[in-house]
Protein backbone atom coordinates (compact mmCIF):
# COMPACT_ATOMS: atom_id res chain seq x y z
CA UNK A 1 0.00 0.00 0.00
CA UNK A 2 2.82 2.40 0.89
CA UNK A 3 4.57 1.80 -2.46
CA UNK A 4 1.33 2.53 -4.34
CA UNK A 5 0.89 5.82 -2.44
CA UNK A 6 4.47 6.84 -3.22
CA UNK A 7 3.89 6.18 -6.92
CA UNK A 8 0.69 8.25 -6.96
CA UNK A 9 2.30 11.12 -5.03
CA UNK A 10 5.28 11.07 -7.40
CA UNK A 11 2.98 11.18 -10.42
CA UNK A 12 1.01 14.03 -8.87
CA UNK A 13 4.14 16.04 -8.12
CA UNK A 14 5.61 15.35 -11.58
CA UNK A 15 2.41 16.56 -13.25
CA UNK A 16 2.29 19.76 -11.18
CA UNK A 17 5.96 20.58 -11.86
CA UNK A 18 5.63 19.79 -15.57
CA UNK A 19 2.58 22.04 -15.97
CA UNK A 20 4.37 24.74 -13.97
CA UNK A 21 7.31 24.55 -16.37
CA UNK A 22 5.02 24.75 -19.40
CA UNK A 23 3.21 27.73 -17.89
CA UNK A 24 6.51 29.49 -17.22
CA UNK A 25 7.84 28.71 -20.72
CA UNK A 26 4.58 29.90 -22.29
CA UNK A 27 4.84 33.14 -20.31
CA UNK A 28 8.37 33.75 -21.63
CA UNK A 29 7.29 33.24 -25.24
CA UNK A 30 4.19 35.42 -24.91
CA UNK A 31 4.24 38.84 -26.50
CA UNK A 32 3.19 41.64 -24.23
CA UNK A 33 4.23 43.60 -21.20
CA UNK A 34 4.27 40.82 -18.60
CA UNK A 35 6.64 37.94 -19.30
CA UNK A 36 6.35 36.13 -15.99
CA UNK A 37 4.70 33.12 -14.47
CA UNK A 38 0.93 32.96 -14.94
CA UNK A 39 -0.36 31.52 -11.66
CA UNK A 40 -3.94 31.25 -12.85
CA UNK A 41 -3.02 28.86 -15.67
CA UNK A 42 -0.91 26.77 -13.31
CA UNK A 43 -3.76 26.37 -10.82
CA UNK A 44 -6.39 25.57 -13.47
CA UNK A 45 -4.28 23.23 -15.61
CA UNK A 46 -1.83 21.84 -13.04
CA UNK A 47 -3.14 21.71 -9.49
CA UNK A 48 -6.87 21.10 -10.06
CA UNK A 49 -6.60 18.27 -12.64
CA UNK A 50 -4.01 16.54 -10.46
CA UNK A 51 -6.08 16.88 -7.25
CA UNK A 52 -9.69 16.28 -8.34
CA UNK A 53 -9.29 12.50 -8.97
CA UNK A 54 -7.94 12.06 -5.43
CA UNK A 55 -10.85 14.01 -3.96
CA UNK A 56 -13.40 11.97 -5.90
CA UNK A 57 -11.71 8.72 -4.86
CA UNK A 58 -11.63 9.75 -1.19
CA UNK A 59 -15.30 10.76 -1.29
CA UNK A 60 -16.33 7.35 -2.64
CA UNK A 61 -13.91 5.37 -0.45
CA UNK A 62 -13.46 7.19 2.87
CA UNK A 63 -11.60 4.25 4.45
CA UNK A 64 -8.82 4.74 1.88
CA UNK A 65 -8.42 8.35 3.07
CA UNK A 66 -7.89 7.08 6.60
CA UNK A 67 -5.31 4.57 5.34
CA UNK A 68 -3.59 7.25 3.28
CA UNK A 69 -3.32 9.61 6.26
CA UNK A 70 -1.90 6.79 8.38
CA UNK A 71 0.67 6.04 5.68
CA UNK A 72 1.68 9.71 5.54
CA UNK A 73 2.06 9.79 9.33
CA UNK A 74 4.23 6.68 9.27
CA UNK A 75 6.31 8.21 6.48
CA UNK A 76 7.22 11.19 8.70
CA UNK A 77 7.81 9.02 11.77
CA UNK A 78 10.52 6.91 10.16
PDB file of N, CA and C in Angstrom:
ATOM      1  N   UNK A   1       0.826  -1.198   0.000  1.00  0.00           N
ATOM      2  CA  UNK A   1       0.000   0.000   0.000  1.00  0.00           C
ATOM      3  C   UNK A   1       0.868   1.260   0.000  1.00  0.00           C
ATOM      4  N   UNK A   2       1.944   1.232   0.792  1.00  0.00           N
ATOM      5  CA  UNK A   2       2.819   2.401   0.893  1.00  0.00           C
ATOM      6  C   UNK A   2       3.499   2.682  -0.444  1.00  0.00           C
ATOM      7  N   UNK A   3       3.905   1.630  -1.167  1.00  0.00           N
ATOM      8  CA  UNK A   3       4.567   1.804  -2.456  1.00  0.00           C
ATOM      9  C   UNK A   3       3.598   2.426  -3.475  1.00  0.00           C
ATOM     10  N   UNK A   4       2.350   2.000  -3.443  1.00  0.00           N
ATOM     11  CA  UNK A   4       1.327   2.535  -4.342  1.00  0.00           C
ATOM     12  C   UNK A   4       1.109   4.027  -4.077  1.00  0.00           C
ATOM     13  N   UNK A   5       1.066   4.413  -2.801  1.00  0.00           N
ATOM     14  CA  UNK A   5       0.893   5.819  -2.443  1.00  0.00           C
ATOM     15  C   UNK A   5       2.084   6.657  -2.907  1.00  0.00           C
ATOM     16  N   UNK A   6       3.290   6.114  -2.768  1.00  0.00           N
ATOM     17  CA  UNK A   6       4.472   6.840  -3.222  1.00  0.00           C
ATOM     18  C   UNK A   6       4.446   7.054  -4.727  1.00  0.00           C
ATOM     19  N   UNK A   7       3.986   6.052  -5.462  1.00  0.00           N
ATOM     20  CA  UNK A   7       3.890   6.178  -6.920  1.00  0.00           C
ATOM     21  C   UNK A   7       2.882   7.257  -7.286  1.00  0.00           C
ATOM     22  N   UNK A   8       1.713   7.254  -6.657  1.00  0.00           N
ATOM     23  CA  UNK A   8       0.694   8.254  -6.957  1.00  0.00           C
ATOM     24  C   UNK A   8       1.141   9.659  -6.574  1.00  0.00           C
ATOM     25  N   UNK A   9       1.803   9.808  -5.429  1.00  0.00           N
ATOM     26  CA  UNK A   9       2.301  11.122  -5.032  1.00  0.00           C
ATOM     27  C   UNK A   9       3.393  11.611  -5.973  1.00  0.00           C
ATOM     28  N   UNK A  10       4.236  10.705  -6.443  1.00  0.00           N
ATOM     29  CA  UNK A  10       5.277  11.070  -7.399  1.00  0.00           C
ATOM     30  C   UNK A  10       4.673  11.504  -8.723  1.00  0.00           C
ATOM     31  N   UNK A  11       3.659  10.782  -9.190  1.00  0.00           N
ATOM     32  CA  UNK A  11       2.979  11.182 -10.425  1.00  0.00           C
ATOM     33  C   UNK A  11       2.302  12.534 -10.273  1.00  0.00           C
ATOM     34  N   UNK A  12       1.665  12.761  -9.123  1.00  0.00           N
ATOM     35  CA  UNK A  12       1.012  14.035  -8.875  1.00  0.00           C
ATOM     36  C   UNK A  12       2.017  15.174  -8.901  1.00  0.00           C
ATOM     37  N   UNK A  13       3.126  15.007  -8.193  1.00  0.00           N
ATOM     38  CA  UNK A  13       4.141  16.044  -8.123  1.00  0.00           C
ATOM     39  C   UNK A  13       4.795  16.287  -9.484  1.00  0.00           C
ATOM     40  N   UNK A  14       5.035  15.222 -10.238  1.00  0.00           N
ATOM     41  CA  UNK A  14       5.609  15.354 -11.576  1.00  0.00           C
ATOM     42  C   UNK A  14       4.675  16.139 -12.483  1.00  0.00           C
ATOM     43  N   UNK A  15       3.394  15.843 -12.432  1.00  0.00           N
ATOM     44  CA  UNK A  15       2.413  16.560 -13.255  1.00  0.00           C
ATOM     45  C   UNK A  15       2.394  18.049 -12.908  1.00  0.00           C
ATOM     46  N   UNK A  16       2.365  18.366 -11.617  1.00  0.00           N
ATOM     47  CA  UNK A  16       2.287  19.763 -11.184  1.00  0.00           C
ATOM     48  C   UNK A  16       3.546  20.525 -11.610  1.00  0.00           C
ATOM     49  N   UNK A  17       4.714  19.917 -11.458  1.00  0.00           N
ATOM     50  CA  UNK A  17       5.959  20.579 -11.858  1.00  0.00           C
ATOM     51  C   UNK A  17       6.025  20.739 -13.372  1.00  0.00           C
ATOM     52  N   UNK A  18       5.613  19.725 -14.113  1.00  0.00           N
ATOM     53  CA  UNK A  18       5.628  19.792 -15.573  1.00  0.00           C
ATOM     54  C   UNK A  18       4.704  20.901 -16.082  1.00  0.00           C
ATOM     55  N   UNK A  19       3.504  20.995 -15.556  1.00  0.00           N
ATOM     56  CA  UNK A  19       2.576  22.044 -15.973  1.00  0.00           C
ATOM     57  C   UNK A  19       3.109  23.412 -15.547  1.00  0.00           C
ATOM     58  N   UNK A  20       3.750  23.491 -14.392  1.00  0.00           N
ATOM     59  CA  UNK A  20       4.372  24.745 -13.974  1.00  0.00           C
ATOM     60  C   UNK A  20       5.461  25.177 -14.931  1.00  0.00           C
ATOM     61  N   UNK A  21       6.272  24.224 -15.392  1.00  0.00           N
ATOM     62  CA  UNK A  21       7.307  24.546 -16.374  1.00  0.00           C
ATOM     63  C   UNK A  21       6.690  25.028 -17.687  1.00  0.00           C
ATOM     64  N   UNK A  22       5.661  24.327 -18.158  1.00  0.00           N
ATOM     65  CA  UNK A  22       5.015  24.748 -19.403  1.00  0.00           C
ATOM     66  C   UNK A  22       4.375  26.131 -19.277  1.00  0.00           C
ATOM     67  N   UNK A  23       3.812  26.418 -18.121  1.00  0.00           N
ATOM     68  CA  UNK A  23       3.213  27.732 -17.890  1.00  0.00           C
ATOM     69  C   UNK A  23       4.285  28.817 -17.903  1.00  0.00           C
ATOM     70  N   UNK A  24       5.405  28.538 -17.249  1.00  0.00           N
ATOM     71  CA  UNK A  24       6.515  29.494 -17.225  1.00  0.00           C
ATOM     72  C   UNK A  24       7.070  29.714 -18.629  1.00  0.00           C
ATOM     73  N   UNK A  25       7.292  28.627 -19.359  1.00  0.00           N
ATOM     74  CA  UNK A  25       7.837  28.711 -20.716  1.00  0.00           C
ATOM     75  C   UNK A  25       6.874  29.458 -21.639  1.00  0.00           C
ATOM     76  N   UNK A  26       5.588  29.200 -21.501  1.00  0.00           N
ATOM     77  CA  UNK A  26       4.580  29.896 -22.287  1.00  0.00           C
ATOM     78  C   UNK A  26       4.577  31.388 -21.965  1.00  0.00           C
ATOM     79  N   UNK A  27       4.777  31.731 -20.696  1.00  0.00           N
ATOM     80  CA  UNK A  27       4.843  33.140 -20.306  1.00  0.00           C
ATOM     81  C   UNK A  27       6.048  33.847 -20.891  1.00  0.00           C
ATOM     82  N   UNK A  28       7.171  33.148 -21.033  1.00  0.00           N
ATOM     83  CA  UNK A  28       8.365  33.751 -21.627  1.00  0.00           C
ATOM     84  C   UNK A  28       8.192  33.993 -23.122  1.00  0.00           C
ATOM     85  N   UNK A  29       7.477  33.117 -23.800  1.00  0.00           N
ATOM     86  CA  UNK A  29       7.291  33.239 -25.242  1.00  0.00           C
ATOM     87  C   UNK A  29       6.140  34.152 -25.622  1.00  0.00           C
ATOM     88  N   UNK A  30       5.353  34.581 -24.649  1.00  0.00           N
ATOM     89  CA  UNK A  30       4.185  35.421 -24.910  1.00  0.00           C
ATOM     90  C   UNK A  30       4.628  36.846 -25.236  1.00  0.00           C
ATOM     91  N   UNK A  31       3.960  37.447 -26.180  1.00  0.00           N
ATOM     92  CA  UNK A  31       4.236  38.838 -26.500  1.00  0.00           C
ATOM     93  C   UNK A  31       3.360  39.716 -25.632  1.00  0.00           C
ATOM     94  N   UNK A  32       3.940  40.737 -25.089  1.00  0.00           N
ATOM     95  CA  UNK A  32       3.191  41.640 -24.232  1.00  0.00           C
ATOM     96  C   UNK A  32       4.087  42.211 -23.150  1.00  0.00           C
ATOM     97  N   UNK A  33       3.466  42.910 -22.231  1.00  0.00           N
ATOM     98  CA  UNK A  33       4.227  43.598 -21.195  1.00  0.00           C
ATOM     99  C   UNK A  33       4.724  42.634 -20.112  1.00  0.00           C
ATOM    100  N   UNK A  34       3.908  41.706 -19.704  1.00  0.00           N
ATOM    101  CA  UNK A  34       4.274  40.817 -18.597  1.00  0.00           C
ATOM    102  C   UNK A  34       4.795  39.497 -19.136  1.00  0.00           C
ATOM    103  N   UNK A  35       6.036  39.185 -18.832  1.00  0.00           N
ATOM    104  CA  UNK A  35       6.642  37.938 -19.299  1.00  0.00           C
ATOM    105  C   UNK A  35       6.966  37.027 -18.123  1.00  0.00           C
ATOM    106  N   UNK A  36       6.088  36.924 -17.184  1.00  0.00           N
ATOM    107  CA  UNK A  36       6.348  36.129 -15.989  1.00  0.00           C
ATOM    108  C   UNK A  36       5.501  34.876 -15.924  1.00  0.00           C
ATOM    109  N   UNK A  37       5.430  34.356 -14.731  1.00  0.00           N
ATOM    110  CA  UNK A  37       4.703  33.118 -14.470  1.00  0.00           C
ATOM    111  C   UNK A  37       3.223  33.436 -14.289  1.00  0.00           C
ATOM    112  N   UNK A  38       2.375  32.746 -15.019  1.00  0.00           N
ATOM    113  CA  UNK A  38       0.932  32.962 -14.939  1.00  0.00           C
ATOM    114  C   UNK A  38       0.338  31.957 -13.946  1.00  0.00           C
ATOM    115  N   UNK A  39       0.113  32.404 -12.725  1.00  0.00           N
ATOM    116  CA  UNK A  39      -0.357  31.525 -11.656  1.00  0.00           C
ATOM    117  C   UNK A  39      -1.734  30.944 -11.939  1.00  0.00           C
ATOM    118  N   UNK A  40      -2.585  31.715 -12.582  1.00  0.00           N
ATOM    119  CA  UNK A  40      -3.939  31.249 -12.846  1.00  0.00           C
ATOM    120  C   UNK A  40      -3.937  30.011 -13.752  1.00  0.00           C
ATOM    121  N   UNK A  41      -3.122  30.029 -14.787  1.00  0.00           N
ATOM    122  CA  UNK A  41      -3.025  28.856 -15.665  1.00  0.00           C
ATOM    123  C   UNK A  41      -2.489  27.655 -14.908  1.00  0.00           C
ATOM    124  N   UNK A  42      -1.515  27.872 -14.042  1.00  0.00           N
ATOM    125  CA  UNK A  42      -0.910  26.772 -13.311  1.00  0.00           C
ATOM    126  C   UNK A  42      -1.921  26.114 -12.375  1.00  0.00           C
ATOM    127  N   UNK A  43      -2.744  26.930 -11.729  1.00  0.00           N
ATOM    128  CA  UNK A  43      -3.758  26.372 -10.823  1.00  0.00           C
ATOM    129  C   UNK A  43      -4.805  25.596 -11.615  1.00  0.00           C
ATOM    130  N   UNK A  44      -5.318  26.203 -12.719  1.00  0.00           N
ATOM    131  CA  UNK A  44      -6.395  25.567 -13.472  1.00  0.00           C
ATOM    132  C   UNK A  44      -5.951  24.345 -14.253  1.00  0.00           C
ATOM    133  N   UNK A  45      -4.728  24.338 -14.780  1.00  0.00           N
ATOM    134  CA  UNK A  45      -4.276  23.226 -15.614  1.00  0.00           C
ATOM    135  C   UNK A  45      -3.287  22.301 -14.922  1.00  0.00           C
ATOM    136  N   UNK A  46      -2.794  22.676 -13.750  1.00  0.00           N
ATOM    137  CA  UNK A  46      -1.833  21.843 -13.042  1.00  0.00           C
ATOM    138  C   UNK A  46      -2.367  21.269 -11.748  1.00  0.00           C
ATOM    139  N   UNK A  47      -2.736  22.151 -10.830  1.00  0.00           N
ATOM    140  CA  UNK A  47      -3.143  21.713  -9.492  1.00  0.00           C
ATOM    141  C   UNK A  47      -4.510  21.024  -9.503  1.00  0.00           C
ATOM    142  N   UNK A  48      -5.513  21.668 -10.095  1.00  0.00           N
ATOM    143  CA  UNK A  48      -6.867  21.099 -10.060  1.00  0.00           C
ATOM    144  C   UNK A  48      -6.979  19.751 -10.782  1.00  0.00           C
ATOM    145  N   UNK A  49      -6.477  19.596 -12.009  1.00  0.00           N
ATOM    146  CA  UNK A  49      -6.596  18.273 -12.644  1.00  0.00           C
ATOM    147  C   UNK A  49      -5.826  17.175 -11.903  1.00  0.00           C
ATOM    148  N   UNK A  50      -4.773  17.546 -11.197  1.00  0.00           N
ATOM    149  CA  UNK A  50      -4.011  16.542 -10.456  1.00  0.00           C
ATOM    150  C   UNK A  50      -4.670  16.198  -9.118  1.00  0.00           C
ATOM    151  N   UNK A  51      -5.491  17.084  -8.574  1.00  0.00           N
ATOM    152  CA  UNK A  51      -6.075  16.883  -7.250  1.00  0.00           C
ATOM    153  C   UNK A  51      -7.493  16.329  -7.287  1.00  0.00           C
ATOM    154  N   UNK A  52      -8.279  16.691  -8.268  1.00  0.00           N
ATOM    155  CA  UNK A  52      -9.688  16.282  -8.344  1.00  0.00           C
ATOM    156  C   UNK A  52      -9.871  14.755  -8.323  1.00  0.00           C
ATOM    157  N   UNK A  53      -9.082  13.960  -9.061  1.00  0.00           N
ATOM    158  CA  UNK A  53      -9.288  12.500  -8.971  1.00  0.00           C
ATOM    159  C   UNK A  53      -9.098  11.946  -7.563  1.00  0.00           C
ATOM    160  N   UNK A  54      -8.130  12.507  -6.805  1.00  0.00           N
ATOM    161  CA  UNK A  54      -7.936  12.063  -5.425  1.00  0.00           C
ATOM    162  C   UNK A  54      -9.155  12.405  -4.572  1.00  0.00           C
ATOM    163  N   UNK A  55      -9.672  13.606  -4.749  1.00  0.00           N
ATOM    164  CA  UNK A  55     -10.845  14.012  -3.962  1.00  0.00           C
ATOM    165  C   UNK A  55     -12.054  13.127  -4.263  1.00  0.00           C
ATOM    166  N   UNK A  56     -12.281  12.841  -5.535  1.00  0.00           N
ATOM    167  CA  UNK A  56     -13.401  11.969  -5.902  1.00  0.00           C
ATOM    168  C   UNK A  56     -13.210  10.572  -5.323  1.00  0.00           C
ATOM    169  N   UNK A  57     -11.994  10.050  -5.399  1.00  0.00           N
ATOM    170  CA  UNK A  57     -11.706   8.718  -4.864  1.00  0.00           C
ATOM    171  C   UNK A  57     -11.933   8.681  -3.352  1.00  0.00           C
ATOM    172  N   UNK A  58     -11.481   9.725  -2.648  1.00  0.00           N
ATOM    173  CA  UNK A  58     -11.634   9.747  -1.195  1.00  0.00           C
ATOM    174  C   UNK A  58     -13.079   9.964  -0.778  1.00  0.00           C
ATOM    175  N   UNK A  59     -13.874  10.620  -1.598  1.00  0.00           N
ATOM    176  CA  UNK A  59     -15.301  10.765  -1.291  1.00  0.00           C
ATOM    177  C   UNK A  59     -15.996   9.415  -1.397  1.00  0.00           C
ATOM    178  N   UNK A  60     -15.659   8.636  -2.425  1.00  0.00           N
ATOM    179  CA  UNK A  60     -16.326   7.351  -2.639  1.00  0.00           C
ATOM    180  C   UNK A  60     -15.756   6.236  -1.779  1.00  0.00           C
ATOM    181  N   UNK A  61     -14.522   6.386  -1.316  1.00  0.00           N
ATOM    182  CA  UNK A  61     -13.905   5.372  -0.455  1.00  0.00           C
ATOM    183  C   UNK A  61     -13.244   6.055   0.735  1.00  0.00           C
ATOM    184  N   UNK A  62     -14.026   6.446   1.739  1.00  0.00           N
ATOM    185  CA  UNK A  62     -13.465   7.187   2.871  1.00  0.00           C
ATOM    186  C   UNK A  62     -12.459   6.376   3.692  1.00  0.00           C
ATOM    187  N   UNK A  63     -12.572   5.054   3.696  1.00  0.00           N
ATOM    188  CA  UNK A  63     -11.598   4.247   4.447  1.00  0.00           C
ATOM    189  C   UNK A  63     -10.211   4.348   3.822  1.00  0.00           C
ATOM    190  N   UNK A  64     -10.130   4.587   2.522  1.00  0.00           N
ATOM    191  CA  UNK A  64      -8.825   4.743   1.884  1.00  0.00           C
ATOM    192  C   UNK A  64      -8.170   6.064   2.286  1.00  0.00           C
ATOM    193  N   UNK A  65      -8.964   7.085   2.571  1.00  0.00           N
ATOM    194  CA  UNK A  65      -8.418   8.351   3.071  1.00  0.00           C
ATOM    195  C   UNK A  65      -7.776   8.132   4.436  1.00  0.00           C
ATOM    196  N   UNK A  66      -8.448   7.370   5.285  1.00  0.00           N
ATOM    197  CA  UNK A  66      -7.891   7.076   6.601  1.00  0.00           C
ATOM    198  C   UNK A  66      -6.578   6.307   6.462  1.00  0.00           C
ATOM    199  N   UNK A  67      -6.533   5.327   5.577  1.00  0.00           N
ATOM    200  CA  UNK A  67      -5.308   4.567   5.344  1.00  0.00           C
ATOM    201  C   UNK A  67      -4.203   5.454   4.777  1.00  0.00           C
ATOM    202  N   UNK A  68      -4.565   6.350   3.879  1.00  0.00           N
ATOM    203  CA  UNK A  68      -3.595   7.255   3.276  1.00  0.00           C
ATOM    204  C   UNK A  68      -2.982   8.183   4.318  1.00  0.00           C
ATOM    205  N   UNK A  69      -3.819   8.722   5.203  1.00  0.00           N
ATOM    206  CA  UNK A  69      -3.320   9.608   6.255  1.00  0.00           C
ATOM    207  C   UNK A  69      -2.405   8.843   7.206  1.00  0.00           C
ATOM    208  N   UNK A  70      -2.764   7.607   7.530  1.00  0.00           N
ATOM    209  CA  UNK A  70      -1.904   6.790   8.382  1.00  0.00           C
ATOM    210  C   UNK A  70      -0.565   6.508   7.710  1.00  0.00           C
ATOM    211  N   UNK A  71      -0.589   6.268   6.407  1.00  0.00           N
ATOM    212  CA  UNK A  71       0.673   6.044   5.676  1.00  0.00           C
ATOM    213  C   UNK A  71       1.534   7.305   5.679  1.00  0.00           C
ATOM    214  N   UNK A  72       0.914   8.455   5.510  1.00  0.00           N
ATOM    215  CA  UNK A  72       1.679   9.708   5.544  1.00  0.00           C
ATOM    216  C   UNK A  72       2.291   9.939   6.932  1.00  0.00           C
ATOM    217  N   UNK A  73       1.534   9.636   7.968  1.00  0.00           N
ATOM    218  CA  UNK A  73       2.060   9.790   9.329  1.00  0.00           C
ATOM    219  C   UNK A  73       3.242   8.857   9.552  1.00  0.00           C
ATOM    220  N   UNK A  74       3.125   7.625   9.075  1.00  0.00           N
ATOM    221  CA  UNK A  74       4.230   6.679   9.266  1.00  0.00           C
ATOM    222  C   UNK A  74       5.446   7.074   8.423  1.00  0.00           C
ATOM    223  N   UNK A  75       5.214   7.756   7.322  1.00  0.00           N
ATOM    224  CA  UNK A  75       6.314   8.210   6.481  1.00  0.00           C
ATOM    225  C   UNK A  75       7.151   9.247   7.222  1.00  0.00           C
ATOM    226  N   UNK A  76       6.502  10.133   7.970  1.00  0.00           N
ATOM    227  CA  UNK A  76       7.216  11.187   8.698  1.00  0.00           C
ATOM    228  C   UNK A  76       7.792  10.689  10.020  1.00  0.00           C
ATOM    229  N   UNK A  77       7.276   9.578  10.541  1.00  0.00           N
ATOM    230  CA  UNK A  77       7.806   9.024  11.773  1.00  0.00           C
ATOM    231  C   UNK A  77       9.143   8.324  11.560  1.00  0.00           C
ATOM    232  N   UNK A  78       9.292   7.690  10.391  1.00  0.00           N
ATOM    233  CA  UNK A  78      10.518   6.911  10.160  1.00  0.00           C
ATOM    234  C   UNK A  78      11.599   7.713   9.489  1.00  0.00           C
TER     235      UNK A  78
END
